[in-house]
């Protein structure tokens, strides 16, 4: 009986192996990545989705999914401003829509509209008030150094936070810190110390850098950004994919929640506090205020 079962299983695998796997290809969807900070200008990146395929797709082919001719506008409840598309190699993909004619303000709601190829995508976000970083200190870990930030959460309000970091001469812009998303439900009253990782960058292995920590000669810029619940949900799902997608015991197959009308991407409002840390100087000082 066991031998018959193995024979049947092998036969099935042989038949499956001889048949061609057909993956239906849908039409590309518009993908929106955008944000506006308190005191900052809006930044929006527009691409089209990459369809799943059994064919090899070269990395350079992704350039064809970059959208350069969309009409992108932001409405703040009083004024609508059309953003200008421009090359900016600090970002990936290296093309953004932005404007200097509108700055974000805490408490205001901003409506984004993206028009391209006969389709219209919309999203809305509100900028919360920022929370200051009261101090930072540097700690030694197994494969480098970490940053601990002191923040004080307002227990009278519901708050969501995300750390973004940028290592000078390594990163070209702020990127999400690994496991840097915080629901204030996990924070206590008074002063809280929160660990700040570097970004989870797969290419850092090629640069002989630790996956989520800093090196002894790093100069690190980072920010603590408050956000609304919708933006928090997006980043929560994003973090699940980054942290668990390579783990066979915890497969991630859920769709990322989004506030974009098509459900592809995000439009986030941030209230941000900035800090700069020189790792070697901080190690000598013990704490940087």
Protein backbone atom coordinates (compact mmCIF):
# COMPACT_ATOMS: atom_id res chain seq x y z
CA UNK A 1 0.00 0.00 0.00
CA UNK A 2 2.80 2.42 0.91
CA UNK A 3 4.68 1.58 -2.31
CA UNK A 4 1.51 2.20 -4.38
CA UNK A 5 1.03 5.59 -2.70
CA UNK A 6 4.60 6.62 -3.49
CA UNK A 7 4.16 5.52 -7.10
CA UNK A 8 0.97 7.56 -7.50
CA UNK A 9 2.59 10.60 -5.87
CA UNK A 10 5.57 10.38 -8.23
CA UNK A 11 3.24 10.06 -11.21
CA UNK A 12 1.34 13.18 -10.19
CA UNK A 13 4.56 15.14 -9.74
CA UNK A 14 5.75 13.98 -13.16
CA UNK A 15 2.54 15.10 -14.84
CA UNK A 16 2.63 18.45 -13.05
CA UNK A 17 6.26 18.92 -14.02
CA UNK A 18 5.46 18.30 -17.69
CA UNK A 19 2.57 20.76 -17.79
CA UNK A 20 3.08 24.47 -18.30
CA UNK A 21 2.16 26.73 -15.40
CA UNK A 22 -0.05 29.53 -16.68
CA UNK A 23 -0.32 32.70 -14.62
CA UNK A 24 -3.05 35.09 -15.76
CA UNK A 25 -1.65 38.55 -16.41
CA UNK A 26 -3.85 41.47 -15.39
CA UNK A 27 -3.56 45.06 -16.51
CA UNK A 28 -1.06 47.18 -14.53
CA UNK A 29 -2.50 49.19 -11.65
CA UNK A 30 -1.38 52.64 -10.52
CA UNK A 31 0.78 52.53 -7.39
CA UNK A 32 1.07 55.68 -5.26
CA UNK A 33 3.71 56.39 -2.60
CA UNK A 34 3.36 59.83 -1.07
CA UNK A 35 3.73 61.86 2.10
CA UNK A 36 3.58 65.38 3.45
CA UNK A 37 5.20 66.50 6.71
CA UNK A 38 4.41 69.36 9.05
CA UNK A 39 6.55 72.17 7.64
CA UNK A 40 7.57 70.09 4.60
CA UNK A 41 6.62 69.88 0.95
CA UNK A 42 4.57 67.00 -0.49
CA UNK A 43 6.50 64.20 -2.20
CA UNK A 44 4.74 61.64 -4.43
CA UNK A 45 6.13 58.72 -6.44
CA UNK A 46 3.87 57.15 -9.08
CA UNK A 47 4.51 53.77 -10.69
CA UNK A 48 2.51 50.93 -12.21
CA UNK A 49 2.34 47.47 -10.68
CA UNK A 50 4.61 44.69 -11.94
CA UNK A 51 2.53 41.67 -13.03
CA UNK A 52 3.54 38.21 -11.83
CA UNK A 53 5.14 36.16 -14.58
CA UNK A 54 7.02 32.90 -15.12
CA UNK A 55 9.30 34.78 -17.53
CA UNK A 56 12.58 36.27 -16.34
CA UNK A 57 12.26 40.01 -15.74
CA UNK A 58 15.49 41.98 -15.73
CA UNK A 59 15.96 44.60 -12.99
CA UNK A 60 16.30 47.33 -15.61
CA UNK A 61 12.82 46.53 -16.94
CA UNK A 62 11.35 48.14 -13.83
CA UNK A 63 12.09 51.53 -15.35
CA UNK A 64 9.17 51.00 -17.74
CA UNK A 65 6.83 51.00 -14.73
CA UNK A 66 7.85 54.52 -13.67
CA UNK A 67 5.09 57.05 -14.43
CA UNK A 68 6.50 60.40 -15.56
CA UNK A 69 3.45 62.03 -17.12
CA UNK A 70 0.75 61.86 -14.46
CA UNK A 71 -1.16 64.89 -13.23
CA UNK A 72 -0.66 64.92 -9.45
CA UNK A 73 -2.40 67.50 -7.26
CA UNK A 74 -2.91 68.14 -3.54
CA UNK A 75 -5.87 70.00 -2.01
CA UNK A 76 -5.60 71.34 1.57
CA UNK A 77 -9.23 72.41 1.97
CA UNK A 78 -8.56 75.88 0.57
CA UNK A 79 -6.09 75.60 -2.30
CA UNK A 80 -5.33 72.93 -4.89
CA UNK A 81 -1.74 72.78 -6.16
CA UNK A 82 -0.51 70.74 -9.12
CA UNK A 83 2.82 69.07 -8.36
CA UNK A 84 5.78 69.14 -10.74
CA UNK A 85 7.49 65.94 -11.87
CA UNK A 86 11.27 65.91 -11.72
CA UNK A 87 14.27 63.60 -11.59
CA UNK A 88 15.62 63.15 -8.05
CA UNK A 89 18.25 60.47 -7.55
CA UNK A 90 17.88 60.58 -3.77
CA UNK A 91 14.76 58.45 -4.17
CA UNK A 92 14.01 55.09 -5.78
CA UNK A 93 12.61 55.19 -8.35
CA UNK A 94 14.53 58.44 -9.07
CA UNK A 95 11.52 60.50 -10.14
CA UNK A 96 9.17 62.41 -7.82
CA UNK A 97 6.27 64.86 -7.96
CA UNK A 98 6.58 67.78 -5.56
CA UNK A 99 6.03 71.53 -5.13
CA UNK A 100 7.37 74.42 -3.07
CA UNK A 101 3.99 76.17 -3.20
CA UNK A 102 2.44 74.11 -0.39
CA UNK A 103 3.79 73.24 3.06
CA UNK A 104 2.20 70.80 5.42
CA UNK A 105 0.58 72.05 8.63
CA UNK A 106 -0.29 69.95 11.68
CA UNK A 107 -4.04 69.48 12.08
CA UNK A 108 -4.86 69.98 8.41
CA UNK A 109 -6.23 67.35 6.03
CA UNK A 110 -4.72 66.90 2.57
CA UNK A 111 -6.42 65.23 -0.38
CA UNK A 112 -4.23 63.74 -3.09
CA UNK A 113 -5.38 63.15 -6.67
CA UNK A 114 -3.38 61.24 -9.30
CA UNK A 115 -4.65 61.24 -12.89
CA UNK A 116 -3.01 58.97 -15.44
CA UNK A 117 -4.04 57.02 -18.54
CA UNK A 118 -7.73 57.76 -18.06
CA UNK A 119 -7.75 56.69 -14.43
CA UNK A 120 -8.04 58.74 -11.25
CA UNK A 121 -6.70 57.68 -7.85
CA UNK A 122 -7.43 59.63 -4.68
CA UNK A 123 -6.32 59.48 -1.04
CA UNK A 124 -6.69 61.61 2.08
CA UNK A 125 -4.53 62.08 5.16
CA UNK A 126 -4.27 64.34 8.19
CA UNK A 127 -1.03 65.56 9.76
CA UNK A 128 -0.93 64.96 13.54
CA UNK A 129 1.08 67.09 15.96
CA UNK A 130 4.71 66.03 16.35
CA UNK A 131 6.19 64.57 19.55
CA UNK A 132 9.69 65.75 20.56
CA UNK A 133 12.66 63.44 21.04
CA UNK A 134 13.82 64.37 24.54
CA UNK A 135 17.23 62.67 24.38
CA UNK A 136 19.14 59.86 22.72
CA UNK A 137 21.92 57.56 23.83
CA UNK A 138 24.02 54.99 22.00
CA UNK A 139 24.33 51.37 23.17
CA UNK A 140 26.66 48.60 22.03
CA UNK A 141 25.13 45.45 20.52
CA UNK A 142 26.58 42.21 19.16
CA UNK A 143 27.24 43.40 15.62
CA UNK A 144 27.44 47.17 16.01
CA UNK A 145 25.67 49.98 17.83
CA UNK A 146 22.10 50.90 18.50
CA UNK A 147 20.30 54.14 19.32
CA UNK A 148 17.85 54.55 22.19
CA UNK A 149 15.49 57.54 22.07
CA UNK A 150 13.57 59.02 24.98
CA UNK A 151 10.01 60.12 24.13
CA UNK A 152 7.01 61.13 26.21
CA UNK A 153 3.61 59.90 25.02
CA UNK A 154 0.43 61.88 25.67
CA UNK A 155 -1.90 59.36 27.33
CA UNK A 156 -4.91 61.60 26.64
CA UNK A 157 -4.68 60.97 22.89
CA UNK A 158 -4.31 57.91 20.67
CA UNK A 159 -0.99 58.13 18.86
CA UNK A 160 0.96 56.16 16.30
CA UNK A 161 4.68 56.56 15.60
CA UNK A 162 7.31 55.49 13.09
CA UNK A 163 11.08 55.98 13.16
CA UNK A 164 12.90 56.75 9.91
CA UNK A 165 16.70 56.82 9.73
CA UNK A 166 19.44 57.92 7.35
CA UNK A 167 23.15 57.15 7.65
CA UNK A 168 25.20 59.94 6.10
CA UNK A 169 27.22 58.87 3.04
CA UNK A 170 25.25 55.60 2.94
CA UNK A 171 21.56 56.46 2.56
CA UNK A 172 20.39 59.17 0.20
CA UNK A 173 17.16 59.87 2.10
CA UNK A 174 15.21 58.79 5.19
CA UNK A 175 14.10 55.17 5.10
CA UNK A 176 11.84 53.22 7.51
CA UNK A 177 13.71 51.88 10.52
CA UNK A 178 13.45 48.13 10.97
CA UNK A 179 10.69 47.36 13.52
CA UNK A 180 10.36 51.11 14.05
CA UNK A 181 6.56 51.22 14.14
CA UNK A 182 4.93 51.96 17.51
CA UNK A 183 1.34 51.91 18.73
CA UNK A 184 1.23 54.01 21.91
CA UNK A 185 -0.70 51.17 23.59
CA UNK A 186 2.70 49.62 24.31
CA UNK A 187 4.05 52.81 25.90
CA UNK A 188 3.66 53.80 29.52
CA UNK A 189 3.06 57.09 31.27
CA UNK A 190 5.96 59.48 31.51
CA UNK A 191 9.25 58.99 29.70
CA UNK A 192 9.67 55.95 27.46
CA UNK A 193 12.90 54.65 25.95
CA UNK A 194 12.49 53.26 22.45
CA UNK A 195 15.09 51.41 20.41
CA UNK A 196 15.89 52.85 16.96
CA UNK A 197 17.22 50.39 14.38
CA UNK A 198 18.72 51.24 11.04
CA UNK A 199 16.78 50.39 7.90
CA UNK A 200 16.46 46.77 6.84
CA UNK A 201 18.55 46.99 3.68
CA UNK A 202 19.44 43.78 1.88
CA UNK A 203 22.26 45.51 0.02
CA UNK A 204 24.02 46.32 3.29
CA UNK A 205 25.35 42.76 3.38
CA UNK A 206 27.33 43.58 0.24
CA UNK A 207 28.64 46.68 2.01
CA UNK A 208 29.65 44.58 5.06
CA UNK A 209 27.22 46.40 7.32
CA UNK A 210 25.03 44.80 10.01
CA UNK A 211 21.43 44.25 8.94
CA UNK A 212 19.73 46.58 11.42
CA UNK A 213 22.42 48.34 13.49
CA UNK A 214 25.00 51.08 13.05
CA UNK A 215 28.80 51.17 12.86
CA UNK A 216 31.24 52.98 15.16
CA UNK A 217 31.97 55.76 12.66
CA UNK A 218 28.38 56.39 11.51
CA UNK A 219 26.68 59.76 11.61
CA UNK A 220 22.97 59.05 11.81
CA UNK A 221 20.04 61.33 11.12
CA UNK A 222 16.67 60.03 12.23
CA UNK A 223 13.18 61.27 12.77
CA UNK A 224 10.19 60.29 14.88
CA UNK A 225 7.00 60.73 12.84
CA UNK A 226 3.46 60.68 14.19
CA UNK A 227 0.75 59.52 11.80
CA UNK A 228 -2.93 58.71 11.56
CA UNK A 229 -4.35 55.20 12.02
CA UNK A 230 -4.70 54.51 8.29
CA UNK A 231 -1.02 55.22 7.68
CA UNK A 232 -0.13 53.09 10.70
CA UNK A 233 -2.10 50.17 9.23
CA UNK A 234 -0.21 50.45 5.95
CA UNK A 235 3.20 50.43 7.65
CA UNK A 236 2.14 47.59 9.96
CA UNK A 237 1.33 45.37 6.97
CA UNK A 238 4.52 46.49 5.23
CA UNK A 239 6.61 45.53 8.27
CA UNK A 240 4.97 42.10 8.39
CA UNK A 241 6.04 41.43 4.83
CA UNK A 242 9.61 42.66 5.40
CA UNK A 243 10.04 40.72 8.65
CA UNK A 244 8.25 37.49 7.75
CA UNK A 245 8.33 37.03 3.98
CA UNK A 246 11.56 34.98 4.11
CA UNK A 247 10.35 32.80 6.96
CA UNK A 248 8.72 29.56 5.70
CA UNK A 249 6.92 29.04 9.02
CA UNK A 250 5.14 32.41 8.93
CA UNK A 251 4.02 32.99 5.33
CA UNK A 252 2.55 36.41 4.58
CA UNK A 253 -0.25 36.42 2.03
CA UNK A 254 -2.47 39.29 3.11
CA UNK A 255 -2.93 42.44 1.07
CA UNK A 256 -1.42 45.63 2.43
CA UNK A 257 -4.11 47.98 3.72
CA UNK A 258 -4.14 51.29 1.88
CA UNK A 259 -5.90 54.65 1.80
CA UNK A 260 -5.44 54.98 -1.97
CA UNK A 261 -8.72 54.43 -3.83
CA UNK A 262 -7.27 51.57 -5.90
CA UNK A 263 -5.77 49.99 -2.80
CA UNK A 264 -2.22 50.28 -4.13
CA UNK A 265 0.20 52.40 -2.06
CA UNK A 266 -0.19 55.08 0.58
CA UNK A 267 -0.56 58.83 1.16
CA UNK A 268 0.65 59.72 4.66
CA UNK A 269 0.75 62.87 6.77
CA UNK A 270 3.58 63.10 9.30
CA UNK A 271 4.32 65.30 12.28
CA UNK A 272 8.08 64.81 12.64
CA UNK A 273 10.83 65.51 15.16
CA UNK A 274 14.43 65.28 13.91
CA UNK A 275 17.67 64.33 15.60
CA UNK A 276 21.28 63.79 14.53
CA UNK A 277 23.71 61.44 16.28
CA UNK A 278 27.43 60.94 15.75
CA UNK A 279 28.04 57.42 17.06
CA UNK A 280 31.67 57.96 18.19
CA UNK A 281 30.89 61.31 19.87
CA UNK A 282 27.82 59.85 21.57
CA UNK A 283 29.77 56.91 22.94
CA UNK A 284 32.10 59.33 24.70
CA UNK A 285 29.27 61.46 26.07
CA UNK A 286 27.08 58.55 27.19
CA UNK A 287 23.92 60.54 26.47
CA UNK A 288 23.10 63.28 23.99
CA UNK A 289 20.46 65.84 24.88
